[in-house]
């Protein structure tokens, strides 16, 4: 199982995500980046930040 805490890369964000694999985390965080943080393109800016911060739990 994989886990990601958005606050690890965006100070103050309390959103967390859990999925069976990295792809599942990325699907969730791409949507979150657009909806919560106003990023224009899902994944373009966020994926390089999210991938190294994903933890196995």
PDB file of N, CA and C in Angstrom:
ATOM      1  N   UNK A   1       0.844  -1.169   0.000  1.00  0.00           N
ATOM      2  CA  UNK A   1       0.000   0.000   0.000  1.00  0.00           C
ATOM      3  C   UNK A   1       0.892   1.235   0.000  1.00  0.00           C
ATOM      4  N   UNK A   2       0.477   2.259  -0.725  1.00  0.00           N
ATOM      5  CA  UNK A   2       1.240   3.501  -0.847  1.00  0.00           C
ATOM      6  C   UNK A   2       0.476   4.641  -0.166  1.00  0.00           C
ATOM      7  N   UNK A   3       1.222   5.618   0.332  1.00  0.00           N
ATOM      8  CA  UNK A   3       0.640   6.760   1.035  1.00  0.00           C
ATOM      9  C   UNK A   3       1.380   8.030   0.633  1.00  0.00           C
ATOM     10  N   UNK A   4       0.621   9.122   0.514  1.00  0.00           N
ATOM     11  CA  UNK A   4       1.209  10.424   0.223  1.00  0.00           C
ATOM     12  C   UNK A   4       0.476  11.480   1.030  1.00  0.00           C
ATOM     13  N   UNK A   5       1.226  12.366   1.662  1.00  0.00           N
ATOM     14  CA  UNK A   5       0.672  13.505   2.391  1.00  0.00           C
ATOM     15  C   UNK A   5       1.024  14.772   1.621  1.00  0.00           C
ATOM     16  N   UNK A   6       0.025  15.482   1.156  1.00  0.00           N
ATOM     17  CA  UNK A   6       0.265  16.680   0.357  1.00  0.00           C
ATOM     18  C   UNK A   6       1.079  17.716   1.137  1.00  0.00           C
ATOM     19  N   UNK A   7       0.884  17.776   2.442  1.00  0.00           N
ATOM     20  CA  UNK A   7       1.628  18.714   3.271  1.00  0.00           C
ATOM     21  C   UNK A   7       3.133  18.512   3.221  1.00  0.00           C
ATOM     22  N   UNK A   8       3.574  17.348   2.751  1.00  0.00           N
ATOM     23  CA  UNK A   8       5.014  17.115   2.602  1.00  0.00           C
ATOM     24  C   UNK A   8       5.620  17.999   1.507  1.00  0.00           C
ATOM     25  N   UNK A   9       4.786  18.444   0.567  1.00  0.00           N
ATOM     26  CA  UNK A   9       5.306  19.302  -0.508  1.00  0.00           C
ATOM     27  C   UNK A   9       4.604  20.658  -0.572  1.00  0.00           C
ATOM     28  N   UNK A  10       3.396  20.751  -0.006  1.00  0.00           N
ATOM     29  CA  UNK A  10       2.653  22.013   0.043  1.00  0.00           C
ATOM     30  C   UNK A  10       2.375  22.314   1.512  1.00  0.00           C
ATOM     31  N   UNK A  11       3.197  23.137   2.139  1.00  0.00           N
ATOM     32  CA  UNK A  11       3.004  23.426   3.563  1.00  0.00           C
ATOM     33  C   UNK A  11       1.585  23.910   3.862  1.00  0.00           C
ATOM     34  N   UNK A  12       1.001  23.316   4.903  1.00  0.00           N
ATOM     35  CA  UNK A  12      -0.335  23.699   5.326  1.00  0.00           C
ATOM     36  C   UNK A  12      -1.448  22.847   4.753  1.00  0.00           C
ATOM     37  N   UNK A  13      -1.194  22.090   3.700  1.00  0.00           N
ATOM     38  CA  UNK A  13      -2.230  21.221   3.129  1.00  0.00           C
ATOM     39  C   UNK A  13      -2.314  19.956   3.974  1.00  0.00           C
ATOM     40  N   UNK A  14      -3.517  19.613   4.401  1.00  0.00           N
ATOM     41  CA  UNK A  14      -3.713  18.456   5.267  1.00  0.00           C
ATOM     42  C   UNK A  14      -4.239  17.230   4.525  1.00  0.00           C
ATOM     43  N   UNK A  15      -4.349  17.285   3.213  1.00  0.00           N
ATOM     44  CA  UNK A  15      -4.876  16.158   2.441  1.00  0.00           C
ATOM     45  C   UNK A  15      -3.870  15.018   2.391  1.00  0.00           C
ATOM     46  N   UNK A  16      -4.398  13.804   2.522  1.00  0.00           N
ATOM     47  CA  UNK A  16      -3.574  12.603   2.409  1.00  0.00           C
ATOM     48  C   UNK A  16      -4.250  11.639   1.443  1.00  0.00           C
ATOM     49  N   UNK A  17      -3.450  10.770   0.846  1.00  0.00           N
ATOM     50  CA  UNK A  17      -3.943   9.852  -0.168  1.00  0.00           C
ATOM     51  C   UNK A  17      -3.332   8.476   0.053  1.00  0.00           C
ATOM     52  N   UNK A  18      -4.134   7.445  -0.149  1.00  0.00           N
ATOM     53  CA  UNK A  18      -3.683   6.069  -0.017  1.00  0.00           C
ATOM     54  C   UNK A  18      -4.185   5.293  -1.228  1.00  0.00           C
ATOM     55  N   UNK A  19      -3.326   4.434  -1.759  1.00  0.00           N
ATOM     56  CA  UNK A  19      -3.682   3.623  -2.926  1.00  0.00           C
ATOM     57  C   UNK A  19      -2.770   2.400  -2.963  1.00  0.00           C
ATOM     58  N   UNK A  20      -3.141   1.388  -3.739  1.00  0.00           N
ATOM     59  CA  UNK A  20      -2.309   0.187  -3.820  1.00  0.00           C
ATOM     60  C   UNK A  20      -0.958   0.412  -4.494  1.00  0.00           C
ATOM     61  N   UNK A  21      -0.862   1.446  -5.353  1.00  0.00           N
ATOM     62  CA  UNK A  21       0.389   1.654  -6.095  1.00  0.00           C
ATOM     63  C   UNK A  21       0.579   3.134  -6.415  1.00  0.00           C
ATOM     64  N   UNK A  22       1.749   3.459  -6.967  1.00  0.00           N
ATOM     65  CA  UNK A  22       2.063   4.851  -7.306  1.00  0.00           C
ATOM     66  C   UNK A  22       1.050   5.436  -8.287  1.00  0.00           C
ATOM     67  N   UNK A  23       0.615   4.647  -9.250  1.00  0.00           N
ATOM     68  CA  UNK A  23      -0.341   5.140 -10.246  1.00  0.00           C
ATOM     69  C   UNK A  23      -1.640   5.592  -9.585  1.00  0.00           C
ATOM     70  N   UNK A  24      -2.077   4.855  -8.580  1.00  0.00           N
ATOM     71  CA  UNK A  24      -3.287   5.233  -7.853  1.00  0.00           C
ATOM     72  C   UNK A  24      -3.114   6.536  -7.094  1.00  0.00           C
ATOM     73  N   UNK A  25      -1.943   6.718  -6.503  1.00  0.00           N
ATOM     74  CA  UNK A  25      -1.648   7.976  -5.809  1.00  0.00           C
ATOM     75  C   UNK A  25      -1.639   9.124  -6.813  1.00  0.00           C
ATOM     76  N   UNK A  26      -0.971   8.939  -7.940  1.00  0.00           N
ATOM     77  CA  UNK A  26      -0.889  10.004  -8.941  1.00  0.00           C
ATOM     78  C   UNK A  26      -2.266  10.382  -9.480  1.00  0.00           C
ATOM     79  N   UNK A  27      -3.137   9.424  -9.681  1.00  0.00           N
ATOM     80  CA  UNK A  27      -4.486   9.728 -10.164  1.00  0.00           C
ATOM     81  C   UNK A  27      -5.210  10.643  -9.180  1.00  0.00           C
ATOM     82  N   UNK A  28      -5.056  10.363  -7.897  1.00  0.00           N
ATOM     83  CA  UNK A  28      -5.713  11.175  -6.872  1.00  0.00           C
ATOM     84  C   UNK A  28      -5.065  12.552  -6.732  1.00  0.00           C
ATOM     85  N   UNK A  29      -3.731  12.579  -6.733  1.00  0.00           N
ATOM     86  CA  UNK A  29      -3.048  13.851  -6.502  1.00  0.00           C
ATOM     87  C   UNK A  29      -3.151  14.788  -7.700  1.00  0.00           C
ATOM     88  N   UNK A  30      -3.263  14.253  -8.886  1.00  0.00           N
ATOM     89  CA  UNK A  30      -3.443  15.111 -10.066  1.00  0.00           C
ATOM     90  C   UNK A  30      -4.759  15.876  -9.961  1.00  0.00           C
ATOM     91  N   UNK A  31      -5.807  15.172  -9.595  1.00  0.00           N
ATOM     92  CA  UNK A  31      -7.114  15.810  -9.429  1.00  0.00           C
ATOM     93  C   UNK A  31      -7.054  16.842  -8.296  1.00  0.00           C
ATOM     94  N   UNK A  32      -6.430  16.456  -7.185  1.00  0.00           N
ATOM     95  CA  UNK A  32      -6.298  17.342  -6.026  1.00  0.00           C
ATOM     96  C   UNK A  32      -5.501  18.600  -6.379  1.00  0.00           C
ATOM     97  N   UNK A  33      -4.424  18.458  -7.129  1.00  0.00           N
ATOM     98  CA  UNK A  33      -3.584  19.605  -7.491  1.00  0.00           C
ATOM     99  C   UNK A  33      -4.380  20.651  -8.265  1.00  0.00           C
ATOM    100  N   UNK A  34      -5.254  20.202  -9.145  1.00  0.00           N
ATOM    101  CA  UNK A  34      -6.076  21.117  -9.933  1.00  0.00           C
ATOM    102  C   UNK A  34      -7.173  21.730  -9.063  1.00  0.00           C
ATOM    103  N   UNK A  35      -7.906  20.882  -8.331  1.00  0.00           N
ATOM    104  CA  UNK A  35      -9.064  21.351  -7.576  1.00  0.00           C
ATOM    105  C   UNK A  35      -8.686  22.170  -6.347  1.00  0.00           C
ATOM    106  N   UNK A  36      -7.675  21.746  -5.606  1.00  0.00           N
ATOM    107  CA  UNK A  36      -7.341  22.403  -4.339  1.00  0.00           C
ATOM    108  C   UNK A  36      -6.259  23.468  -4.467  1.00  0.00           C
ATOM    109  N   UNK A  37      -5.362  23.291  -5.435  1.00  0.00           N
ATOM    110  CA  UNK A  37      -4.217  24.192  -5.518  1.00  0.00           C
ATOM    111  C   UNK A  37      -4.167  24.995  -6.816  1.00  0.00           C
ATOM    112  N   UNK A  38      -5.164  24.806  -7.680  1.00  0.00           N
ATOM    113  CA  UNK A  38      -5.276  25.620  -8.884  1.00  0.00           C
ATOM    114  C   UNK A  38      -4.214  25.383  -9.942  1.00  0.00           C
ATOM    115  N   UNK A  39      -3.585  24.219  -9.915  1.00  0.00           N
ATOM    116  CA  UNK A  39      -2.583  23.934 -10.949  1.00  0.00           C
ATOM    117  C   UNK A  39      -3.295  23.758 -12.293  1.00  0.00           C
ATOM    118  N   UNK A  40      -2.734  24.316 -13.365  1.00  0.00           N
ATOM    119  CA  UNK A  40      -3.427  24.323 -14.651  1.00  0.00           C
ATOM    120  C   UNK A  40      -3.476  22.976 -15.366  1.00  0.00           C
ATOM    121  N   UNK A  41      -2.451  22.162 -15.241  1.00  0.00           N
ATOM    122  CA  UNK A  41      -2.378  20.883 -15.951  1.00  0.00           C
ATOM    123  C   UNK A  41      -2.185  19.761 -14.945  1.00  0.00           C
ATOM    124  N   UNK A  42      -3.083  18.793 -14.895  1.00  0.00           N
ATOM    125  CA  UNK A  42      -2.901  17.690 -13.954  1.00  0.00           C
ATOM    126  C   UNK A  42      -1.601  16.939 -14.203  1.00  0.00           C
ATOM    127  N   UNK A  43      -0.749  16.887 -13.202  1.00  0.00           N
ATOM    128  CA  UNK A  43       0.470  16.099 -13.279  1.00  0.00           C
ATOM    129  C   UNK A  43       1.694  16.818 -13.800  1.00  0.00           C
ATOM    130  N   UNK A  44       1.517  17.843 -14.611  1.00  0.00           N
ATOM    131  CA  UNK A  44       2.664  18.503 -15.222  1.00  0.00           C
ATOM    132  C   UNK A  44       3.651  19.015 -14.181  1.00  0.00           C
ATOM    133  N   UNK A  45       3.147  19.761 -13.218  1.00  0.00           N
ATOM    134  CA  UNK A  45       4.005  20.314 -12.175  1.00  0.00           C
ATOM    135  C   UNK A  45       4.060  19.435 -10.936  1.00  0.00           C
ATOM    136  N   UNK A  46       2.980  18.720 -10.667  1.00  0.00           N
ATOM    137  CA  UNK A  46       2.904  17.990  -9.400  1.00  0.00           C
ATOM    138  C   UNK A  46       3.610  16.634  -9.408  1.00  0.00           C
ATOM    139  N   UNK A  47       3.563  15.893 -10.497  1.00  0.00           N
ATOM    140  CA  UNK A  47       4.146  14.540 -10.504  1.00  0.00           C
ATOM    141  C   UNK A  47       5.610  14.505 -10.064  1.00  0.00           C
ATOM    142  N   UNK A  48       6.463  15.406 -10.554  1.00  0.00           N
ATOM    143  CA  UNK A  48       7.869  15.348 -10.130  1.00  0.00           C
ATOM    144  C   UNK A  48       8.059  15.617  -8.636  1.00  0.00           C
ATOM    145  N   UNK A  49       7.107  16.304  -8.017  1.00  0.00           N
ATOM    146  CA  UNK A  49       7.177  16.559  -6.577  1.00  0.00           C
ATOM    147  C   UNK A  49       6.573  15.408  -5.781  1.00  0.00           C
ATOM    148  N   UNK A  50       5.487  14.853  -6.305  1.00  0.00           N
ATOM    149  CA  UNK A  50       4.756  13.800  -5.598  1.00  0.00           C
ATOM    150  C   UNK A  50       5.530  12.485  -5.580  1.00  0.00           C
ATOM    151  N   UNK A  51       6.046  12.063  -6.717  1.00  0.00           N
ATOM    152  CA  UNK A  51       6.673  10.732  -6.813  1.00  0.00           C
ATOM    153  C   UNK A  51       7.725  10.459  -5.737  1.00  0.00           C
ATOM    154  N   UNK A  52       8.671  11.361  -5.484  1.00  0.00           N
ATOM    155  CA  UNK A  52       9.672  11.046  -4.458  1.00  0.00           C
ATOM    156  C   UNK A  52       9.120  11.077  -3.032  1.00  0.00           C
ATOM    157  N   UNK A  53       7.928  11.664  -2.853  1.00  0.00           N
ATOM    158  CA  UNK A  53       7.352  11.776  -1.513  1.00  0.00           C
ATOM    159  C   UNK A  53       6.371  10.647  -1.189  1.00  0.00           C
ATOM    160  N   UNK A  54       6.111   9.743  -2.136  1.00  0.00           N
ATOM    161  CA  UNK A  54       5.221   8.603  -1.887  1.00  0.00           C
ATOM    162  C   UNK A  54       5.945   7.605  -0.992  1.00  0.00           C
ATOM    163  N   UNK A  55       5.242   7.154   0.045  1.00  0.00           N
ATOM    164  CA  UNK A  55       5.805   6.201   1.003  1.00  0.00           C
ATOM    165  C   UNK A  55       5.057   4.870   0.930  1.00  0.00           C
ATOM    166  N   UNK A  56       5.770   3.796   1.141  1.00  0.00           N
ATOM    167  CA  UNK A  56       5.142   2.483   1.258  1.00  0.00           C
ATOM    168  C   UNK A  56       4.737   2.288   2.711  1.00  0.00           C
ATOM    169  N   UNK A  57       3.478   1.884   2.923  1.00  0.00           N
ATOM    170  CA  UNK A  57       2.980   1.657   4.290  1.00  0.00           C
ATOM    171  C   UNK A  57       2.493   0.240   4.455  1.00  0.00           C
TER     172      UNK A  57
END
